[in-house]
Amino acid sequence: MVRAVTQNAKIAVVILNYNSADHTLRCLDTLRRHSASLPRIVVVDNASAPEDRQKLNGLQGKGVRLIQSERNLGFSGGMMLGARDLDADYYLLLNNDCEFRNDVLGSLTSFMDAHAEAALCTGSMFDAQGQPRSSFNYFPSLLHSVIGYGLSRLIAPHRYPDRRARHAQPVEVDVVSGAAMFIRGEVMRELGGLDTGYFLYCEEEDFALRVHRAGWKTYLVPEAEILHVGGASSGDAARRARLQREFYISFCRYLRLHYGPLYGLAFRGVTALKLLRRAVTGRMPFSLVGFVLRGAPESESLRRQT
């Protein structure tokens, strides 16, 4: 991770905005209200429309550094554009449609300070109605894609904690939600941050897998509570369909990078069968089945259209 400017901080928060400035302003408001001490904050505008970008102009000089990208760099590209300017002990990469319900930064910092083996963590997530939603996941697995995770949770509950349960104590997990990733600065620098080859989706799986392979651990810290509205930048139905294709572009890239062509081919086959079943019942376009079988080529990414 190359840094253009070196400014040491205990915590650096990077928030990404794309045509959703109202979410960004609410996110910043709750961060300020629920943080015992304010971190360094960088807001990256990812080439939003002029009227949306204008709403952020007042942030400059109010404890926030505003970076305006002239093109849409995607999630990982935008986050790394913001993170590279700060040398911090911890980084929080935060979706702008998140709102703090308590002192999230204090809870996550205290946990990481006390657990030297922890590289990555997040808090408990809640939806717009205040209902619990999962904030962690398992590494993608061809076996579990076929048989599910139910049996594995029975056999090894510590290895596969229940995603639907309300956990009272910190739990070691595979992958935390990309909506709020709290990362040890040492690890951020060691691993180079998020892979900017991903435009949208699977950045968190990729980073968490690299964390795991480097010998570090990832945790859910339920004491920290975050409201995650979701879908702040998803747009209309047509755009949501394009985002669905983008997910498979990223997922197939993840498989190629970490598991090789044969494993990726088998996984794509299983995925295509599941999509076909949903297409037959009208819940999925048939074109998506063929798209996945073709390997979801990166040449058709939204990155090419920005």
C-alpha atoms as a PDB file:
ATOM      1  CA  MET A   1       0.000   0.000   0.000  1.00  0.00           C
ATOM      2  CA  VAL A   2       1.752   3.161  -1.214  1.00  0.00           C
ATOM      3  CA  ARG A   3       1.128   6.311   0.817  1.00  0.00           C
ATOM      4  CA  ALA A   4       1.371   9.761  -0.730  1.00  0.00           C
ATOM      5  CA  VAL A   5       1.296  11.490   2.677  1.00  0.00           C
ATOM      6  CA  THR A   6       2.379  10.115   6.026  1.00  0.00           C
ATOM      7  CA  GLN A   7       0.299  11.317   8.965  1.00  0.00           C
ATOM      8  CA  ASN A   8       0.473   9.117  12.050  1.00  0.00           C
ATOM      9  CA  ALA A   9      -2.816   8.412  13.816  1.00  0.00           C
ATOM     10  CA  LYS A  10      -4.174   5.891  16.305  1.00  0.00           C
ATOM     11  CA  ILE A  11      -7.276   5.306  14.147  1.00  0.00           C
ATOM     12  CA  ALA A  12      -8.010   6.327  10.569  1.00  0.00           C
ATOM     13  CA  VAL A  13     -11.556   6.017   9.225  1.00  0.00           C
ATOM     14  CA  VAL A  14     -12.115   5.903   5.464  1.00  0.00           C
ATOM     15  CA  ILE A  15     -15.656   6.412   4.193  1.00  0.00           C
ATOM     16  CA  LEU A  16     -16.577   5.968   0.537  1.00  0.00           C
ATOM     17  CA  ASN A  17     -19.295   8.068  -1.093  1.00  0.00           C
ATOM     18  CA  TYR A  18     -20.963   7.349  -4.421  1.00  0.00           C
ATOM     19  CA  ASN A  19     -24.107   9.352  -5.189  1.00  0.00           C
ATOM     20  CA  SER A  20     -25.316   8.989  -1.592  1.00  0.00           C
ATOM     21  CA  ALA A  21     -24.070  12.058   0.272  1.00  0.00           C
ATOM     22  CA  ASP A  22     -27.026  12.079   2.670  1.00  0.00           C
ATOM     23  CA  HIS A  23     -25.936   8.654   3.938  1.00  0.00           C
ATOM     24  CA  THR A  24     -22.366   9.917   4.285  1.00  0.00           C
ATOM     25  CA  LEU A  25     -23.426  12.913   6.366  1.00  0.00           C
ATOM     26  CA  ARG A  26     -25.565  10.740   8.688  1.00  0.00           C
ATOM     27  CA  CYS A  27     -22.698   8.259   9.012  1.00  0.00           C
ATOM     28  CA  LEU A  28     -20.315  11.040  10.055  1.00  0.00           C
ATOM     29  CA  ASP A  29     -22.854  12.450  12.503  1.00  0.00           C
ATOM     30  CA  THR A  30     -23.250   9.152  14.353  1.00  0.00           C
ATOM     31  CA  LEU A  31     -19.495   8.557  14.307  1.00  0.00           C
ATOM     32  CA  ARG A  32     -18.933  11.900  16.018  1.00  0.00           C
ATOM     33  CA  ARG A  33     -21.758  11.440  18.530  1.00  0.00           C
ATOM     34  CA  HIS A  34     -20.701   7.956  19.600  1.00  0.00           C
ATOM     35  CA  SER A  35     -16.907   8.227  19.620  1.00  0.00           C
ATOM     36  CA  ALA A  36     -15.106   9.064  22.849  1.00  0.00           C
ATOM     37  CA  SER A  37     -12.255  10.566  20.818  1.00  0.00           C
ATOM     38  CA  LEU A  38     -12.357  11.462  17.144  1.00  0.00           C
ATOM     39  CA  PRO A  39     -10.090   9.646  14.691  1.00  0.00           C
ATOM     40  CA  ARG A  40      -8.642  11.005  11.488  1.00  0.00           C
ATOM     41  CA  ILE A  41     -11.416  10.811   8.904  1.00  0.00           C
ATOM     42  CA  VAL A  42     -11.098  10.653   5.142  1.00  0.00           C
ATOM     43  CA  VAL A  43     -14.142  10.758   2.876  1.00  0.00           C
ATOM     44  CA  VAL A  44     -13.511   9.642  -0.695  1.00  0.00           C
ATOM     45  CA  ASP A  45     -16.058  10.712  -3.289  1.00  0.00           C
ATOM     46  CA  ASN A  46     -16.003   8.115  -6.063  1.00  0.00           C
ATOM     47  CA  ALA A  47     -16.904  10.389  -9.007  1.00  0.00           C
ATOM     48  CA  SER A  48     -20.456  11.128  -7.887  1.00  0.00           C
ATOM     49  CA  ALA A  49     -22.823  13.388  -9.812  1.00  0.00           C
ATOM     50  CA  PRO A  50     -22.044  17.124  -9.276  1.00  0.00           C
ATOM     51  CA  GLU A  51     -25.177  17.762  -7.190  1.00  0.00           C
ATOM     52  CA  ASP A  52     -24.312  14.905  -4.816  1.00  0.00           C
ATOM     53  CA  ARG A  53     -20.656  15.851  -4.589  1.00  0.00           C
ATOM     54  CA  GLN A  54     -21.601  19.438  -3.748  1.00  0.00           C
ATOM     55  CA  LYS A  55     -23.306  18.296  -0.544  1.00  0.00           C
ATOM     56  CA  LEU A  56     -19.915  17.171   0.769  1.00  0.00           C
ATOM     57  CA  ASN A  57     -18.080  20.431   0.167  1.00  0.00           C
ATOM     58  CA  GLY A  58     -18.769  21.660   3.697  1.00  0.00           C
ATOM     59  CA  LEU A  59     -16.830  18.771   5.232  1.00  0.00           C
ATOM     60  CA  GLN A  60     -13.422  20.202   4.382  1.00  0.00           C
ATOM     61  CA  GLY A  61     -11.948  21.891   7.445  1.00  0.00           C
ATOM     62  CA  LYS A  62     -14.317  20.211   9.909  1.00  0.00           C
ATOM     63  CA  GLY A  63     -11.996  17.412  10.943  1.00  0.00           C
ATOM     64  CA  VAL A  64     -12.556  15.572   7.665  1.00  0.00           C
ATOM     65  CA  ARG A  65     -10.294  15.301   4.659  1.00  0.00           C
ATOM     66  CA  LEU A  66     -12.318  15.120   1.444  1.00  0.00           C
ATOM     67  CA  ILE A  67     -10.760  13.419  -1.570  1.00  0.00           C
ATOM     68  CA  GLN A  68     -12.625  13.718  -4.854  1.00  0.00           C
ATOM     69  CA  SER A  69     -11.789  11.073  -7.420  1.00  0.00           C
ATOM     70  CA  GLU A  70     -12.380  12.007 -11.042  1.00  0.00           C
ATOM     71  CA  ARG A  71     -13.415   8.446 -11.892  1.00  0.00           C
ATOM     72  CA  ASN A  72     -15.206   5.632 -10.114  1.00  0.00           C
ATOM     73  CA  LEU A  73     -12.460   3.438  -8.666  1.00  0.00           C
ATOM     74  CA  GLY A  74     -14.845   0.860  -7.228  1.00  0.00           C
ATOM     75  CA  PHE A  75     -14.979  -0.122  -3.567  1.00  0.00           C
ATOM     76  CA  SER A  76     -11.425  -1.327  -2.972  1.00  0.00           C
ATOM     77  CA  GLY A  77      -9.867   1.326  -5.219  1.00  0.00           C
ATOM     78  CA  GLY A  78     -11.730   4.127  -3.457  1.00  0.00           C
ATOM     79  CA  MET A  79     -10.931   2.802   0.011  1.00  0.00           C
ATOM     80  CA  MET A  80      -7.242   2.458  -0.789  1.00  0.00           C
ATOM     81  CA  LEU A  81      -7.154   5.955  -2.269  1.00  0.00           C
ATOM     82  CA  GLY A  82      -8.269   7.227   1.144  1.00  0.00           C
ATOM     83  CA  ALA A  83      -6.139   4.894   3.266  1.00  0.00           C
ATOM     84  CA  ARG A  84      -2.857   5.548   1.509  1.00  0.00           C
ATOM     85  CA  ASP A  85      -2.600   9.069   2.937  1.00  0.00           C
ATOM     86  CA  LEU A  86      -2.583   7.964   6.564  1.00  0.00           C
ATOM     87  CA  ASP A  87      -0.181   5.899   8.636  1.00  0.00           C
ATOM     88  CA  ALA A  88      -2.408   4.570  11.431  1.00  0.00           C
ATOM     89  CA  ASP A  89      -2.337   1.910  14.121  1.00  0.00           C
ATOM     90  CA  TYR A  90      -5.821   0.868  12.995  1.00  0.00           C
ATOM     91  CA  TYR A  91      -7.964   1.520   9.945  1.00  0.00           C
ATOM     92  CA  LEU A  92     -11.745   1.378   9.764  1.00  0.00           C
ATOM     93  CA  LEU A  93     -12.974   0.985   6.194  1.00  0.00           C
ATOM     94  CA  LEU A  94     -16.603   1.995   6.524  1.00  0.00           C
ATOM     95  CA  ASN A  95     -19.586   1.938   4.173  1.00  0.00           C
ATOM     96  CA  ASN A  96     -21.337   5.289   4.176  1.00  0.00           C
ATOM     97  CA  ASP A  97     -24.700   3.593   4.813  1.00  0.00           C
ATOM     98  CA  CYS A  98     -23.514   2.545   8.279  1.00  0.00           C
ATOM     99  CA  GLU A  99     -24.397   4.369  11.491  1.00  0.00           C
ATOM    100  CA  PHE A 100     -22.854   3.858  14.932  1.00  0.00           C
ATOM    101  CA  ARG A 101     -25.144   2.818  17.801  1.00  0.00           C
ATOM    102  CA  ASN A 102     -22.419   3.076  20.446  1.00  0.00           C
ATOM    103  CA  ASP A 103     -18.683   3.734  20.771  1.00  0.00           C
ATOM    104  CA  VAL A 104     -17.714   1.329  18.002  1.00  0.00           C
ATOM    105  CA  LEU A 105     -14.177   2.652  17.651  1.00  0.00           C
ATOM    106  CA  GLY A 106     -13.526   2.382  21.385  1.00  0.00           C
ATOM    107  CA  SER A 107     -14.768  -1.216  21.571  1.00  0.00           C
ATOM    108  CA  LEU A 108     -12.869  -2.415  18.505  1.00  0.00           C
ATOM    109  CA  THR A 109      -9.670  -0.637  19.502  1.00  0.00           C
ATOM    110  CA  SER A 110      -9.761  -2.061  23.034  1.00  0.00           C
ATOM    111  CA  PHE A 111     -10.274  -5.553  21.665  1.00  0.00           C
ATOM    112  CA  MET A 112      -7.428  -5.312  19.161  1.00  0.00           C
ATOM    113  CA  ASP A 113      -5.083  -3.751  21.720  1.00  0.00           C
ATOM    114  CA  ALA A 114      -5.742  -6.736  24.009  1.00  0.00           C
ATOM    115  CA  HIS A 115      -5.452  -9.413  21.290  1.00  0.00           C
ATOM    116  CA  ALA A 116      -2.145  -9.229  19.479  1.00  0.00           C
ATOM    117  CA  GLU A 117      -3.094 -12.124  17.186  1.00  0.00           C
ATOM    118  CA  ALA A 118      -6.108 -10.242  15.791  1.00  0.00           C
ATOM    119  CA  ALA A 119      -5.650  -8.517  12.454  1.00  0.00           C
ATOM    120  CA  LEU A 120      -9.225  -7.870  11.432  1.00  0.00           C
ATOM    121  CA  CYS A 121     -12.583  -7.482  13.170  1.00  0.00           C
ATOM    122  CA  THR A 122     -16.029  -5.952  12.983  1.00  0.00           C
ATOM    123  CA  GLY A 123     -19.006  -5.354  15.261  1.00  0.00           C
ATOM    124  CA  SER A 124     -22.602  -6.550  15.445  1.00  0.00           C
ATOM    125  CA  MET A 125     -24.756  -5.402  12.532  1.00  0.00           C
ATOM    126  CA  PHE A 126     -28.391  -4.299  12.553  1.00  0.00           C
ATOM    127  CA  ASP A 127     -30.697  -3.477   9.651  1.00  0.00           C
ATOM    128  CA  ALA A 128     -32.654  -0.259   9.091  1.00  0.00           C
ATOM    129  CA  GLN A 129     -35.414  -1.518  11.437  1.00  0.00           C
ATOM    130  CA  GLY A 130     -32.892  -2.300  14.170  1.00  0.00           C
ATOM    131  CA  GLN A 131     -33.119  -6.057  13.656  1.00  0.00           C
ATOM    132  CA  PRO A 132     -29.908  -8.128  13.900  1.00  0.00           C
ATOM    133  CA  ARG A 133     -28.226  -9.097  10.645  1.00  0.00           C
ATOM    134  CA  SER A 134     -25.148 -11.220  10.121  1.00  0.00           C
ATOM    135  CA  SER A 135     -21.830  -9.395  10.044  1.00  0.00           C
ATOM    136  CA  PHE A 136     -19.575 -12.358   9.228  1.00  0.00           C
ATOM    137  CA  ASN A 137     -19.374 -15.261   6.837  1.00  0.00           C
ATOM    138  CA  TYR A 138     -17.371 -18.387   6.030  1.00  0.00           C
ATOM    139  CA  PHE A 139     -14.738 -18.782   3.339  1.00  0.00           C
ATOM    140  CA  PRO A 140     -16.355 -20.003   0.101  1.00  0.00           C
ATOM    141  CA  SER A 141     -16.118 -23.790  -0.174  1.00  0.00           C
ATOM    142  CA  LEU A 142     -17.076 -26.090  -3.027  1.00  0.00           C
ATOM    143  CA  LEU A 143     -18.021 -28.853  -0.574  1.00  0.00           C
ATOM    144  CA  HIS A 144     -20.243 -26.565   1.468  1.00  0.00           C
ATOM    145  CA  SER A 145     -21.770 -25.108  -1.658  1.00  0.00           C
ATOM    146  CA  VAL A 146     -23.097 -28.611  -2.332  1.00  0.00           C
ATOM    147  CA  ILE A 147     -23.993 -29.866   1.162  1.00  0.00           C
ATOM    148  CA  GLY A 148     -24.443 -26.606   3.097  1.00  0.00           C
ATOM    149  CA  TYR A 149     -22.907 -25.631   6.436  1.00  0.00           C
ATOM    150  CA  GLY A 150     -25.460 -27.183   8.799  1.00  0.00           C
ATOM    151  CA  LEU A 151     -23.582 -30.448   9.389  1.00  0.00           C
ATOM    152  CA  SER A 152     -20.254 -28.642   9.794  1.00  0.00           C
ATOM    153  CA  ARG A 153     -21.758 -26.365  12.445  1.00  0.00           C
ATOM    154  CA  LEU A 154     -22.917 -29.436  14.378  1.00  0.00           C
ATOM    155  CA  ILE A 155     -19.536 -31.152  14.162  1.00  0.00           C
ATOM    156  CA  ALA A 156     -17.315 -28.097  14.667  1.00  0.00           C
ATOM    157  CA  PRO A 157     -19.340 -25.193  16.117  1.00  0.00           C
ATOM    158  CA  HIS A 158     -16.202 -23.247  17.029  1.00  0.00           C
ATOM    159  CA  ARG A 159     -14.968 -23.480  13.451  1.00  0.00           C
ATOM    160  CA  TYR A 160     -18.372 -22.569  11.998  1.00  0.00           C
ATOM    161  CA  PRO A 161     -20.188 -20.274  14.454  1.00  0.00           C
ATOM    162  CA  ASP A 162     -23.855 -19.679  13.736  1.00  0.00           C
ATOM    163  CA  ARG A 163     -24.270 -16.572  11.577  1.00  0.00           C
ATOM    164  CA  ARG A 164     -27.864 -16.092  12.763  1.00  0.00           C
ATOM    165  CA  ALA A 165     -27.106 -16.249  16.498  1.00  0.00           C
ATOM    166  CA  ARG A 166     -26.663 -13.254  18.802  1.00  0.00           C
ATOM    167  CA  HIS A 167     -23.148 -13.716  20.145  1.00  0.00           C
ATOM    168  CA  ALA A 168     -22.430 -12.233  23.561  1.00  0.00           C
ATOM    169  CA  GLN A 169     -18.642 -12.683  23.454  1.00  0.00           C
ATOM    170  CA  PRO A 170     -16.037 -12.142  20.717  1.00  0.00           C
ATOM    171  CA  VAL A 171     -15.952 -15.012  18.236  1.00  0.00           C
ATOM    172  CA  GLU A 172     -13.226 -16.005  15.793  1.00  0.00           C
ATOM    173  CA  VAL A 173     -14.654 -16.029  12.263  1.00  0.00           C
ATOM    174  CA  ASP A 174     -13.480 -16.423   8.661  1.00  0.00           C
ATOM    175  CA  VAL A 175     -14.699 -13.256   6.963  1.00  0.00           C
ATOM    176  CA  VAL A 176     -16.190 -10.021   8.328  1.00  0.00           C
ATOM    177  CA  SER A 177     -18.600  -7.794   6.473  1.00  0.00           C
ATOM    178  CA  GLY A 178     -16.969  -5.359   4.077  1.00  0.00           C
ATOM    179  CA  ALA A 179     -19.377  -2.716   5.399  1.00  0.00           C
ATOM    180  CA  ALA A 180     -17.134  -2.126   8.429  1.00  0.00           C
ATOM    181  CA  MET A 181     -13.649  -3.642   8.413  1.00  0.00           C
ATOM    182  CA  PHE A 182     -11.402  -2.712  11.348  1.00  0.00           C
ATOM    183  CA  ILE A 183      -7.835  -3.573  10.333  1.00  0.00           C
ATOM    184  CA  ARG A 184      -4.565  -3.571  12.244  1.00  0.00           C
ATOM    185  CA  GLY A 185      -2.243  -1.080  10.544  1.00  0.00           C
ATOM    186  CA  GLU A 186       0.713  -3.469  10.643  1.00  0.00           C
ATOM    187  CA  VAL A 187      -1.308  -6.016   8.687  1.00  0.00           C
ATOM    188  CA  MET A 188      -2.663  -3.411   6.270  1.00  0.00           C
ATOM    189  CA  ARG A 189       0.896  -2.528   5.349  1.00  0.00           C
ATOM    190  CA  GLU A 190       2.150  -6.112   5.361  1.00  0.00           C
ATOM    191  CA  LEU A 191      -0.560  -7.358   2.992  1.00  0.00           C
ATOM    192  CA  GLY A 192      -0.908  -4.227   0.898  1.00  0.00           C
ATOM    193  CA  GLY A 193      -4.503  -3.491   1.876  1.00  0.00           C
ATOM    194  CA  LEU A 194      -7.478  -4.444  -0.247  1.00  0.00           C
ATOM    195  CA  ASP A 195      -6.825  -5.823  -3.724  1.00  0.00           C
ATOM    196  CA  THR A 196      -7.839  -3.022  -6.092  1.00  0.00           C
ATOM    197  CA  GLY A 197      -8.262  -5.571  -8.875  1.00  0.00           C
ATOM    198  CA  TYR A 198     -11.773  -6.084  -7.500  1.00  0.00           C
ATOM    199  CA  PHE A 199     -14.222  -3.389  -8.549  1.00  0.00           C
ATOM    200  CA  LEU A 200     -17.118  -4.455  -6.300  1.00  0.00           C
ATOM    201  CA  TYR A 201     -17.664  -7.485  -4.064  1.00  0.00           C
ATOM    202  CA  CYS A 202     -15.404 -10.214  -2.649  1.00  0.00           C
ATOM    203  CA  GLU A 203     -12.747  -7.752  -1.469  1.00  0.00           C
ATOM    204  CA  GLU A 204     -13.458  -8.805   2.112  1.00  0.00           C
ATOM    205  CA  GLU A 205     -13.182 -12.548   1.331  1.00  0.00           C
ATOM    206  CA  ASP A 206      -9.924 -11.942  -0.511  1.00  0.00           C
ATOM    207  CA  PHE A 207      -8.418  -9.840   2.279  1.00  0.00           C
ATOM    208  CA  ALA A 208      -9.608 -12.150   5.063  1.00  0.00           C
ATOM    209  CA  LEU A 209      -8.148 -15.179   3.292  1.00  0.00           C
ATOM    210  CA  ARG A 210      -4.797 -13.438   2.952  1.00  0.00           C
ATOM    211  CA  VAL A 211      -5.001 -12.507   6.658  1.00  0.00           C
ATOM    212  CA  HIS A 212      -5.675 -16.162   7.519  1.00  0.00           C
ATOM    213  CA  ARG A 213      -2.857 -17.504   5.342  1.00  0.00           C
ATOM    214  CA  ALA A 214      -0.444 -15.011   6.902  1.00  0.00           C
ATOM    215  CA  GLY A 215      -1.179 -16.493  10.347  1.00  0.00           C
ATOM    216  CA  TRP A 216      -3.414 -13.737  11.745  1.00  0.00           C
ATOM    217  CA  LYS A 217      -6.965 -14.045  13.111  1.00  0.00           C
ATOM    218  CA  THR A 218     -10.317 -12.395  12.378  1.00  0.00           C
ATOM    219  CA  TYR A 219     -13.056 -11.729  14.940  1.00  0.00           C
ATOM    220  CA  LEU A 220     -16.595 -10.585  15.501  1.00  0.00           C
ATOM    221  CA  VAL A 221     -16.679  -8.172  18.470  1.00  0.00           C
ATOM    222  CA  PRO A 222     -20.399  -8.013  19.342  1.00  0.00           C
ATOM    223  CA  GLU A 223     -20.041  -5.199  21.876  1.00  0.00           C
ATOM    224  CA  ALA A 224     -19.607  -2.742  18.975  1.00  0.00           C
ATOM    225  CA  GLU A 225     -22.997  -2.091  17.359  1.00  0.00           C
ATOM    226  CA  ILE A 226     -23.457  -0.789  13.815  1.00  0.00           C
ATOM    227  CA  LEU A 227     -26.631  -0.027  11.912  1.00  0.00           C
ATOM    228  CA  HIS A 228     -26.169  -1.012   8.262  1.00  0.00           C
ATOM    229  CA  VAL A 229     -28.958   0.233   6.018  1.00  0.00           C
ATOM    230  CA  GLY A 230     -27.615  -1.473   2.883  1.00  0.00           C
ATOM    231  CA  GLY A 231     -28.064  -0.665  -0.789  1.00  0.00           C
ATOM    232  CA  ALA A 232     -27.201   3.029  -0.542  1.00  0.00           C
ATOM    233  CA  SER A 233     -25.640   3.111  -4.011  1.00  0.00           C
ATOM    234  CA  SER A 234     -27.389   0.220  -5.738  1.00  0.00           C
ATOM    235  CA  GLY A 235     -29.768   2.301  -7.867  1.00  0.00           C
ATOM    236  CA  ASP A 236     -32.657   1.080 -10.021  1.00  0.00           C
ATOM    237  CA  ALA A 237     -33.564  -2.461 -11.120  1.00  0.00           C
ATOM    238  CA  ALA A 238     -31.361  -2.367 -14.207  1.00  0.00           C
ATOM    239  CA  ARG A 239     -28.356  -1.330 -12.165  1.00  0.00           C
ATOM    240  CA  ARG A 240     -29.099  -3.993  -9.574  1.00  0.00           C
ATOM    241  CA  ALA A 241     -29.017  -6.567 -12.381  1.00  0.00           C
ATOM    242  CA  ARG A 242     -25.611  -5.277 -13.475  1.00  0.00           C
ATOM    243  CA  LEU A 243     -24.408  -5.443  -9.873  1.00  0.00           C
ATOM    244  CA  GLN A 244     -25.516  -9.065  -9.751  1.00  0.00           C
ATOM    245  CA  ARG A 245     -23.260  -9.800 -12.729  1.00  0.00           C
ATOM    246  CA  GLU A 246     -20.492  -7.825 -11.047  1.00  0.00           C
ATOM    247  CA  PHE A 247     -20.694 -10.076  -7.994  1.00  0.00           C
ATOM    248  CA  TYR A 248     -19.970 -13.143 -10.125  1.00  0.00           C
ATOM    249  CA  ILE A 249     -17.133 -11.353 -11.915  1.00  0.00           C
ATOM    250  CA  SER A 250     -15.514 -10.747  -8.528  1.00  0.00           C
ATOM    251  CA  PHE A 251     -16.334 -14.204  -7.200  1.00  0.00           C
ATOM    252  CA  CYS A 252     -14.818 -15.955 -10.208  1.00  0.00           C
ATOM    253  CA  ARG A 253     -11.743 -13.736  -9.909  1.00  0.00           C
ATOM    254  CA  TYR A 254     -11.424 -14.722  -6.246  1.00  0.00           C
ATOM    255  CA  LEU A 255     -11.588 -18.421  -7.168  1.00  0.00           C
ATOM    256  CA  ARG A 256      -8.988 -18.065  -9.926  1.00  0.00           C
ATOM    257  CA  LEU A 257      -6.572 -16.149  -7.710  1.00  0.00           C
ATOM    258  CA  HIS A 258      -6.727 -18.407  -4.669  1.00  0.00           C
ATOM    259  CA  TYR A 259      -7.786 -21.899  -5.768  1.00  0.00           C
ATOM    260  CA  GLY A 260      -6.709 -22.426  -9.357  1.00  0.00           C
ATOM    261  CA  PRO A 261      -8.559 -23.131 -12.619  1.00  0.00           C
ATOM    262  CA  LEU A 262      -9.889 -26.661 -11.932  1.00  0.00           C
ATOM    263  CA  TYR A 263     -11.406 -25.776  -8.568  1.00  0.00           C
ATOM    264  CA  GLY A 264     -12.828 -22.604 -10.068  1.00  0.00           C
ATOM    265  CA  LEU A 265     -14.358 -24.517 -12.978  1.00  0.00           C
ATOM    266  CA  ALA A 266     -16.029 -27.005 -10.636  1.00  0.00           C
ATOM    267  CA  PHE A 267     -17.337 -24.213  -8.408  1.00  0.00           C
ATOM    268  CA  ARG A 268     -18.725 -22.352 -11.416  1.00  0.00           C
ATOM    269  CA  GLY A 269     -20.511 -25.510 -12.529  1.00  0.00           C
ATOM    270  CA  VAL A 270     -22.213 -25.968  -9.157  1.00  0.00           C
ATOM    271  CA  THR A 271     -23.101 -22.270  -9.049  1.00  0.00           C
ATOM    272  CA  ALA A 272     -24.566 -22.393 -12.569  1.00  0.00           C
ATOM    273  CA  LEU A 273     -26.782 -25.347 -11.607  1.00  0.00           C
ATOM    274  CA  LYS A 274     -28.139 -23.413  -8.628  1.00  0.00           C
ATOM    275  CA  LEU A 275     -28.766 -20.355 -10.798  1.00  0.00           C
ATOM    276  CA  LEU A 276     -30.484 -22.525 -13.411  1.00  0.00           C
ATOM    277  CA  ARG A 277     -32.902 -23.837 -10.810  1.00  0.00           C
ATOM    278  CA  ARG A 278     -33.753 -20.283  -9.818  1.00  0.00           C
ATOM    279  CA  ALA A 279     -34.054 -19.191 -13.448  1.00  0.00           C
ATOM    280  CA  VAL A 280     -36.577 -21.941 -14.145  1.00  0.00           C
ATOM    281  CA  THR A 281     -38.782 -20.571 -11.359  1.00  0.00           C
ATOM    282  CA  GLY A 282     -38.434 -17.022 -12.683  1.00  0.00           C
ATOM    283  CA  ARG A 283     -36.263 -15.728  -9.851  1.00  0.00           C
ATOM    284  CA  MET A 284     -33.150 -15.263 -11.978  1.00  0.00           C
ATOM    285  CA  PRO A 285     -32.489 -14.433 -15.651  1.00  0.00           C
ATOM    286  CA  PHE A 286     -31.245 -17.361 -17.737  1.00  0.00           C
ATOM    287  CA  SER A 287     -28.528 -15.092 -19.139  1.00  0.00           C
ATOM    288  CA  LEU A 288     -26.789 -15.118 -15.753  1.00  0.00           C
ATOM    289  CA  VAL A 289     -26.344 -18.895 -15.987  1.00  0.00           C
ATOM    290  CA  GLY A 290     -24.460 -18.589 -19.268  1.00  0.00           C
ATOM    291  CA  PHE A 291     -22.475 -15.640 -17.924  1.00  0.00           C
ATOM    292  CA  VAL A 292     -21.167 -17.714 -15.008  1.00  0.00           C
ATOM    293  CA  LEU A 293     -20.396 -20.687 -17.261  1.00  0.00           C
ATOM    294  CA  ARG A 294     -18.338 -18.341 -19.453  1.00  0.00           C
ATOM    295  CA  GLY A 295     -16.266 -17.526 -16.379  1.00  0.00           C
ATOM    296  CA  ALA A 296     -17.839 -14.107 -15.700  1.00  0.00           C
ATOM    297  CA  PRO A 297     -15.096 -12.310 -17.689  1.00  0.00           C
ATOM    298  CA  GLU A 298     -13.545  -9.257 -16.084  1.00  0.00           C
ATOM    299  CA  SER A 299     -13.704  -7.497 -19.459  1.00  0.00           C
ATOM    300  CA  GLU A 300     -17.441  -7.080 -18.823  1.00  0.00           C
ATOM    301  CA  SER A 301     -17.003  -5.441 -15.422  1.00  0.00           C
ATOM    302  CA  LEU A 302     -18.664  -2.153 -14.521  1.00  0.00           C
ATOM    303  CA  ARG A 303     -15.104  -0.873 -14.200  1.00  0.00           C
ATOM    304  CA  ARG A 304     -15.028  -0.692 -18.012  1.00  0.00           C
ATOM    305  CA  GLN A 305     -18.146   1.475 -18.043  1.00  0.00           C
ATOM    306  CA  THR A 306     -16.950   4.193 -15.671  1.00  0.00           C
END
